[in-house]
């Protein structure tokens, strides 16, 4: 199988973490962000991640991919179903400051070349405004993220989100926060760092290993 993904994308990281926990092997294919043809040919839309199971058989949508391969319910989907609205709201709230802070940095990682960098910046600035303004307002985004983590997340870690064992919810949370490790002016609390590293270890996830080698 082939997993088409972006290195920075939290929804792609979600699938990589989930497949790692499920011990599902795949070929990693990092697409340039400006490659519109490949995903459209595979699934009809420019949206990653995409798991190509076999020739002519591909699936997108991160949770759908993981559900398809979690035959033994290792990810405890009932926890997500029970807390659906709460979890989706939390992930969305975290995603806004994370993306505002990290996008101006992501484009300078080796994942991007000049063409894909320009494409990415034009697309994202149309939604969030100029990257220069995101950088100017970084203190506001940092405060917003810290408030969310301290008031809405940390108190529910026991040691995982409202659970003594890892569930799909933890993978959803960790994948959205992982990009902050490249942001130079932000530091997780010890509790948050230990939580994220626990998810990393259990899912056998390495942010860069399959791309930088």
C-alpha atoms as a PDB file:
ATOM      1  CA  UNK A   1       0.000   0.000   0.000  1.00  0.00           C
ATOM      2  CA  UNK A   2       1.040   3.595  -0.562  1.00  0.00           C
ATOM      3  CA  UNK A   3       0.274   6.507   1.753  1.00  0.00           C
ATOM      4  CA  UNK A   4       0.298   9.835  -0.087  1.00  0.00           C
ATOM      5  CA  UNK A   5       0.795  12.591   2.468  1.00  0.00           C
ATOM      6  CA  UNK A   6       2.396  15.891   3.434  1.00  0.00           C
ATOM      7  CA  UNK A   7       5.005  15.946   6.197  1.00  0.00           C
ATOM      8  CA  UNK A   8       3.461  18.909   8.044  1.00  0.00           C
ATOM      9  CA  UNK A   9      -0.232  18.038   7.696  1.00  0.00           C
ATOM     10  CA  UNK A  10      -1.925  17.092  11.010  1.00  0.00           C
ATOM     11  CA  UNK A  11      -4.485  14.894   9.259  1.00  0.00           C
ATOM     12  CA  UNK A  12      -1.642  13.049   7.549  1.00  0.00           C
ATOM     13  CA  UNK A  13       0.221  12.714  10.838  1.00  0.00           C
ATOM     14  CA  UNK A  14      -3.012  11.347  12.335  1.00  0.00           C
ATOM     15  CA  UNK A  15      -3.027   8.509   9.804  1.00  0.00           C
ATOM     16  CA  UNK A  16       0.684   7.815  10.206  1.00  0.00           C
ATOM     17  CA  UNK A  17       0.261   7.568  13.979  1.00  0.00           C
ATOM     18  CA  UNK A  18      -2.806   5.366  13.663  1.00  0.00           C
ATOM     19  CA  UNK A  19      -1.244   2.986  11.164  1.00  0.00           C
ATOM     20  CA  UNK A  20       1.829   2.823  13.375  1.00  0.00           C
ATOM     21  CA  UNK A  21      -0.253   1.779  16.370  1.00  0.00           C
ATOM     22  CA  UNK A  22      -2.034  -0.812  14.218  1.00  0.00           C
ATOM     23  CA  UNK A  23       1.304  -2.111  12.853  1.00  0.00           C
ATOM     24  CA  UNK A  24       0.144  -1.533   9.276  1.00  0.00           C
ATOM     25  CA  UNK A  25       3.044  -1.191   6.857  1.00  0.00           C
ATOM     26  CA  UNK A  26       2.929   1.084   3.825  1.00  0.00           C
ATOM     27  CA  UNK A  27       5.122   2.920   1.342  1.00  0.00           C
ATOM     28  CA  UNK A  28       5.460   6.591   2.245  1.00  0.00           C
ATOM     29  CA  UNK A  29       4.955   9.000  -0.659  1.00  0.00           C
ATOM     30  CA  UNK A  30       5.387  12.686   0.228  1.00  0.00           C
ATOM     31  CA  UNK A  31       3.680  14.760  -2.469  1.00  0.00           C
ATOM     32  CA  UNK A  32       4.703  18.301  -3.372  1.00  0.00           C
ATOM     33  CA  UNK A  33       1.960  20.597  -2.123  1.00  0.00           C
ATOM     34  CA  UNK A  34       1.370  21.978  -5.619  1.00  0.00           C
ATOM     35  CA  UNK A  35       0.770  18.518  -7.107  1.00  0.00           C
ATOM     36  CA  UNK A  36      -2.950  18.690  -7.889  1.00  0.00           C
ATOM     37  CA  UNK A  37      -3.006  15.918 -10.499  1.00  0.00           C
ATOM     38  CA  UNK A  38      -2.008  12.923  -8.355  1.00  0.00           C
ATOM     39  CA  UNK A  39      -4.686  13.216  -5.649  1.00  0.00           C
ATOM     40  CA  UNK A  40      -7.376  14.098  -8.193  1.00  0.00           C
ATOM     41  CA  UNK A  41      -6.476  11.018 -10.246  1.00  0.00           C
ATOM     42  CA  UNK A  42      -6.600   8.834  -7.129  1.00  0.00           C
ATOM     43  CA  UNK A  43      -9.780  10.074  -5.438  1.00  0.00           C
ATOM     44  CA  UNK A  44     -11.250  12.900  -7.504  1.00  0.00           C
ATOM     45  CA  UNK A  45     -10.271  15.701  -5.092  1.00  0.00           C
ATOM     46  CA  UNK A  46      -7.071  17.441  -3.988  1.00  0.00           C
ATOM     47  CA  UNK A  47      -7.094  16.222  -0.421  1.00  0.00           C
ATOM     48  CA  UNK A  48      -4.513  14.252   1.490  1.00  0.00           C
ATOM     49  CA  UNK A  49      -3.845  11.855   3.120  1.00  0.00           C
ATOM     50  CA  UNK A  50      -4.730   9.172   0.588  1.00  0.00           C
ATOM     51  CA  UNK A  51      -4.094   5.487   1.142  1.00  0.00           C
ATOM     52  CA  UNK A  52      -3.822   3.560  -2.108  1.00  0.00           C
ATOM     53  CA  UNK A  53      -4.729   0.032  -1.079  1.00  0.00           C
ATOM     54  CA  UNK A  54      -4.304  -1.420  -4.567  1.00  0.00           C
ATOM     55  CA  UNK A  55      -4.354  -0.182  -8.141  1.00  0.00           C
ATOM     56  CA  UNK A  56      -7.587   1.705  -8.616  1.00  0.00           C
ATOM     57  CA  UNK A  57      -8.562   1.343  -4.958  1.00  0.00           C
ATOM     58  CA  UNK A  58      -7.760   4.415  -2.889  1.00  0.00           C
ATOM     59  CA  UNK A  59      -9.359   6.006   0.166  1.00  0.00           C
ATOM     60  CA  UNK A  60      -9.037   9.451   1.740  1.00  0.00           C
ATOM     61  CA  UNK A  61     -10.401  11.048   4.948  1.00  0.00           C
ATOM     62  CA  UNK A  62      -8.091  10.266   7.849  1.00  0.00           C
ATOM     63  CA  UNK A  63     -10.641   8.684  10.191  1.00  0.00           C
ATOM     64  CA  UNK A  64     -12.134   6.560   7.410  1.00  0.00           C
ATOM     65  CA  UNK A  65      -8.681   5.197   6.615  1.00  0.00           C
ATOM     66  CA  UNK A  66      -8.028   4.233  10.221  1.00  0.00           C
ATOM     67  CA  UNK A  67     -11.488   2.736  10.788  1.00  0.00           C
ATOM     68  CA  UNK A  68     -11.034   0.517   7.751  1.00  0.00           C
ATOM     69  CA  UNK A  69      -7.942  -1.125   9.233  1.00  0.00           C
ATOM     70  CA  UNK A  70      -8.807  -1.174  12.940  1.00  0.00           C
ATOM     71  CA  UNK A  71     -10.469  -4.582  12.927  1.00  0.00           C
ATOM     72  CA  UNK A  72      -9.972  -5.148  16.669  1.00  0.00           C
ATOM     73  CA  UNK A  73     -11.009  -1.644  17.810  1.00  0.00           C
ATOM     74  CA  UNK A  74      -7.550  -0.925  19.167  1.00  0.00           C
ATOM     75  CA  UNK A  75      -8.260   2.792  18.791  1.00  0.00           C
ATOM     76  CA  UNK A  76     -11.369   2.591  21.004  1.00  0.00           C
ATOM     77  CA  UNK A  77     -13.725   4.405  18.638  1.00  0.00           C
ATOM     78  CA  UNK A  78     -16.499   4.384  21.238  1.00  0.00           C
ATOM     79  CA  UNK A  79     -14.561   7.046  23.171  1.00  0.00           C
ATOM     80  CA  UNK A  80     -14.640   9.328  20.129  1.00  0.00           C
ATOM     81  CA  UNK A  81     -18.319   8.635  19.469  1.00  0.00           C
ATOM     82  CA  UNK A  82     -19.161   9.489  23.090  1.00  0.00           C
ATOM     83  CA  UNK A  83     -17.210  12.768  23.038  1.00  0.00           C
ATOM     84  CA  UNK A  84     -17.654  13.647  19.357  1.00  0.00           C
ATOM     85  CA  UNK A  85     -18.708  17.293  19.651  1.00  0.00           C
ATOM     86  CA  UNK A  86     -16.274  18.008  22.478  1.00  0.00           C
ATOM     87  CA  UNK A  87     -13.293  16.498  20.666  1.00  0.00           C
ATOM     88  CA  UNK A  88     -14.031  18.079  17.292  1.00  0.00           C
ATOM     89  CA  UNK A  89     -14.416  21.487  18.949  1.00  0.00           C
ATOM     90  CA  UNK A  90     -11.154  21.082  20.869  1.00  0.00           C
ATOM     91  CA  UNK A  91      -9.188  19.990  17.812  1.00  0.00           C
ATOM     92  CA  UNK A  92     -10.593  22.875  15.775  1.00  0.00           C
ATOM     93  CA  UNK A  93      -9.749  25.413  18.484  1.00  0.00           C
ATOM     94  CA  UNK A  94      -6.172  24.101  18.774  1.00  0.00           C
ATOM     95  CA  UNK A  95      -5.726  23.986  15.035  1.00  0.00           C
ATOM     96  CA  UNK A  96      -6.298  27.696  14.496  1.00  0.00           C
ATOM     97  CA  UNK A  97      -3.353  29.051  16.549  1.00  0.00           C
ATOM     98  CA  UNK A  98      -1.123  26.102  15.607  1.00  0.00           C
ATOM     99  CA  UNK A  99      -1.571  26.776  11.909  1.00  0.00           C
ATOM    100  CA  UNK A 100      -1.174  30.531  12.329  1.00  0.00           C
ATOM    101  CA  UNK A 101       2.098  30.005  14.173  1.00  0.00           C
ATOM    102  CA  UNK A 102       3.572  27.162  12.153  1.00  0.00           C
ATOM    103  CA  UNK A 103       2.656  27.851   8.539  1.00  0.00           C
ATOM    104  CA  UNK A 104       5.280  30.600   8.087  1.00  0.00           C
ATOM    105  CA  UNK A 105       7.872  28.087   9.364  1.00  0.00           C
ATOM    106  CA  UNK A 106       6.629  24.953   7.607  1.00  0.00           C
ATOM    107  CA  UNK A 107       7.212  26.489   4.181  1.00  0.00           C
ATOM    108  CA  UNK A 108      10.959  26.725   4.864  1.00  0.00           C
ATOM    109  CA  UNK A 109      11.403  23.046   5.720  1.00  0.00           C
ATOM    110  CA  UNK A 110      12.848  20.681   3.083  1.00  0.00           C
ATOM    111  CA  UNK A 111       9.304  19.487   2.332  1.00  0.00           C
ATOM    112  CA  UNK A 112       8.846  22.549   0.111  1.00  0.00           C
ATOM    113  CA  UNK A 113      10.619  23.740  -3.014  1.00  0.00           C
ATOM    114  CA  UNK A 114      10.161  27.260  -4.443  1.00  0.00           C
ATOM    115  CA  UNK A 115       7.152  26.276  -6.541  1.00  0.00           C
ATOM    116  CA  UNK A 116       5.261  24.382  -3.849  1.00  0.00           C
ATOM    117  CA  UNK A 117       6.189  27.046  -1.272  1.00  0.00           C
ATOM    118  CA  UNK A 118       4.610  29.787  -3.406  1.00  0.00           C
ATOM    119  CA  UNK A 119       1.527  27.666  -4.068  1.00  0.00           C
ATOM    120  CA  UNK A 120       1.094  26.888  -0.353  1.00  0.00           C
ATOM    121  CA  UNK A 121       1.545  30.497   0.717  1.00  0.00           C
ATOM    122  CA  UNK A 122      -0.963  31.857  -1.790  1.00  0.00           C
ATOM    123  CA  UNK A 123      -3.563  29.262  -0.775  1.00  0.00           C
ATOM    124  CA  UNK A 124      -3.135  29.735   2.963  1.00  0.00           C
ATOM    125  CA  UNK A 125      -2.850  33.523   2.920  1.00  0.00           C
ATOM    126  CA  UNK A 126      -6.188  33.677   1.094  1.00  0.00           C
ATOM    127  CA  UNK A 127      -7.723  32.109   4.217  1.00  0.00           C
ATOM    128  CA  UNK A 128      -5.598  33.445   7.086  1.00  0.00           C
ATOM    129  CA  UNK A 129      -4.106  36.641   5.753  1.00  0.00           C
ATOM    130  CA  UNK A 130      -0.465  37.512   4.996  1.00  0.00           C
ATOM    131  CA  UNK A 131       2.116  35.362   6.760  1.00  0.00           C
ATOM    132  CA  UNK A 132       3.884  38.555   7.820  1.00  0.00           C
ATOM    133  CA  UNK A 133       0.811  39.474   9.859  1.00  0.00           C
ATOM    134  CA  UNK A 134       0.663  35.998  11.387  1.00  0.00           C
ATOM    135  CA  UNK A 135       4.248  36.481  12.549  1.00  0.00           C
ATOM    136  CA  UNK A 136       3.501  39.960  13.906  1.00  0.00           C
ATOM    137  CA  UNK A 137       0.566  38.563  15.889  1.00  0.00           C
ATOM    138  CA  UNK A 138       2.382  35.474  17.129  1.00  0.00           C
ATOM    139  CA  UNK A 139       2.146  36.458  20.819  1.00  0.00           C
ATOM    140  CA  UNK A 140      -1.646  36.466  20.576  1.00  0.00           C
ATOM    141  CA  UNK A 141      -1.643  33.024  18.969  1.00  0.00           C
ATOM    142  CA  UNK A 142       0.783  31.670  21.562  1.00  0.00           C
ATOM    143  CA  UNK A 143      -1.432  32.948  24.383  1.00  0.00           C
ATOM    144  CA  UNK A 144      -4.549  31.502  22.758  1.00  0.00           C
ATOM    145  CA  UNK A 145      -2.911  28.096  22.381  1.00  0.00           C
ATOM    146  CA  UNK A 146      -1.552  28.091  25.933  1.00  0.00           C
ATOM    147  CA  UNK A 147      -4.995  28.999  27.273  1.00  0.00           C
ATOM    148  CA  UNK A 148      -6.575  26.107  25.373  1.00  0.00           C
ATOM    149  CA  UNK A 149      -3.944  23.629  26.543  1.00  0.00           C
ATOM    150  CA  UNK A 150      -4.041  24.681  30.189  1.00  0.00           C
ATOM    151  CA  UNK A 151      -7.814  25.210  30.513  1.00  0.00           C
ATOM    152  CA  UNK A 152      -9.266  22.593  28.186  1.00  0.00           C
ATOM    153  CA  UNK A 153      -6.732  19.824  27.742  1.00  0.00           C
ATOM    154  CA  UNK A 154      -4.169  19.253  30.494  1.00  0.00           C
ATOM    155  CA  UNK A 155      -6.696  18.788  33.292  1.00  0.00           C
ATOM    156  CA  UNK A 156      -8.290  15.932  31.333  1.00  0.00           C
ATOM    157  CA  UNK A 157      -5.082  13.922  30.851  1.00  0.00           C
ATOM    158  CA  UNK A 158      -5.093  10.868  33.083  1.00  0.00           C
ATOM    159  CA  UNK A 159      -2.654  10.092  31.519  1.00  0.00           C
ATOM    160  CA  UNK A 160      -4.547  10.155  28.188  1.00  0.00           C
ATOM    161  CA  UNK A 161      -7.574  12.261  27.302  1.00  0.00           C
ATOM    162  CA  UNK A 162     -10.258  11.227  29.810  1.00  0.00           C
ATOM    163  CA  UNK A 163      -8.832   7.729  29.676  1.00  0.00           C
ATOM    164  CA  UNK A 164      -6.179   5.530  31.253  1.00  0.00           C
ATOM    165  CA  UNK A 165      -5.335   4.119  27.816  1.00  0.00           C
ATOM    166  CA  UNK A 166      -4.646   5.663  24.434  1.00  0.00           C
ATOM    167  CA  UNK A 167      -7.608   6.157  22.082  1.00  0.00           C
ATOM    168  CA  UNK A 168      -8.168   7.714  18.680  1.00  0.00           C
ATOM    169  CA  UNK A 169      -8.831  10.989  20.524  1.00  0.00           C
ATOM    170  CA  UNK A 170      -5.198  11.160  21.669  1.00  0.00           C
ATOM    171  CA  UNK A 171      -3.970  10.627  18.133  1.00  0.00           C
ATOM    172  CA  UNK A 172      -6.247  13.427  16.928  1.00  0.00           C
ATOM    173  CA  UNK A 173      -4.917  15.775  19.612  1.00  0.00           C
ATOM    174  CA  UNK A 174      -1.245  14.863  19.257  1.00  0.00           C
ATOM    175  CA  UNK A 175      -1.255  15.104  15.461  1.00  0.00           C
ATOM    176  CA  UNK A 176      -2.600  18.660  15.620  1.00  0.00           C
ATOM    177  CA  UNK A 177      -0.062  19.744  18.222  1.00  0.00           C
ATOM    178  CA  UNK A 178       2.986  18.073  16.718  1.00  0.00           C
ATOM    179  CA  UNK A 179       3.846  20.953  14.412  1.00  0.00           C
ATOM    180  CA  UNK A 180       4.543  23.160  17.433  1.00  0.00           C
ATOM    181  CA  UNK A 181       7.789  21.274  17.998  1.00  0.00           C
ATOM    182  CA  UNK A 182       9.313  23.239  15.128  1.00  0.00           C
ATOM    183  CA  UNK A 183       8.151  26.634  16.416  1.00  0.00           C
ATOM    184  CA  UNK A 184      11.216  28.139  18.154  1.00  0.00           C
ATOM    185  CA  UNK A 185       9.442  30.395  20.665  1.00  0.00           C
ATOM    186  CA  UNK A 186       7.012  27.880  22.112  1.00  0.00           C
ATOM    187  CA  UNK A 187       7.596  25.256  24.774  1.00  0.00           C
ATOM    188  CA  UNK A 188       5.128  22.656  25.976  1.00  0.00           C
ATOM    189  CA  UNK A 189       4.708  22.174  29.693  1.00  0.00           C
ATOM    190  CA  UNK A 190       6.364  19.038  31.038  1.00  0.00           C
ATOM    191  CA  UNK A 191       2.984  17.330  31.344  1.00  0.00           C
ATOM    192  CA  UNK A 192       2.051  18.125  27.741  1.00  0.00           C
ATOM    193  CA  UNK A 193       5.451  17.087  26.448  1.00  0.00           C
ATOM    194  CA  UNK A 194       5.296  13.772  28.296  1.00  0.00           C
ATOM    195  CA  UNK A 195       1.783  13.180  26.977  1.00  0.00           C
ATOM    196  CA  UNK A 196       2.809  13.837  23.376  1.00  0.00           C
ATOM    197  CA  UNK A 197       5.894  11.673  23.702  1.00  0.00           C
ATOM    198  CA  UNK A 198       3.796   8.836  25.110  1.00  0.00           C
ATOM    199  CA  UNK A 199       1.538   9.008  22.050  1.00  0.00           C
ATOM    200  CA  UNK A 200       4.641   9.105  19.847  1.00  0.00           C
ATOM    201  CA  UNK A 201       6.143   6.024  21.485  1.00  0.00           C
ATOM    202  CA  UNK A 202       2.941   3.975  21.407  1.00  0.00           C
ATOM    203  CA  UNK A 203       2.317   4.770  17.736  1.00  0.00           C
ATOM    204  CA  UNK A 204       5.979   4.318  16.696  1.00  0.00           C
ATOM    205  CA  UNK A 205       5.831   7.738  15.084  1.00  0.00           C
ATOM    206  CA  UNK A 206       8.835   9.639  13.797  1.00  0.00           C
ATOM    207  CA  UNK A 207       8.067  13.014  12.252  1.00  0.00           C
ATOM    208  CA  UNK A 208      10.939  13.025   9.793  1.00  0.00           C
ATOM    209  CA  UNK A 209      12.427   9.544   9.546  1.00  0.00           C
ATOM    210  CA  UNK A 210      10.786   8.419   6.301  1.00  0.00           C
ATOM    211  CA  UNK A 211      11.351  11.770   4.586  1.00  0.00           C
ATOM    212  CA  UNK A 212      14.797  12.973   5.603  1.00  0.00           C
ATOM    213  CA  UNK A 213      16.586   9.630   5.085  1.00  0.00           C
END
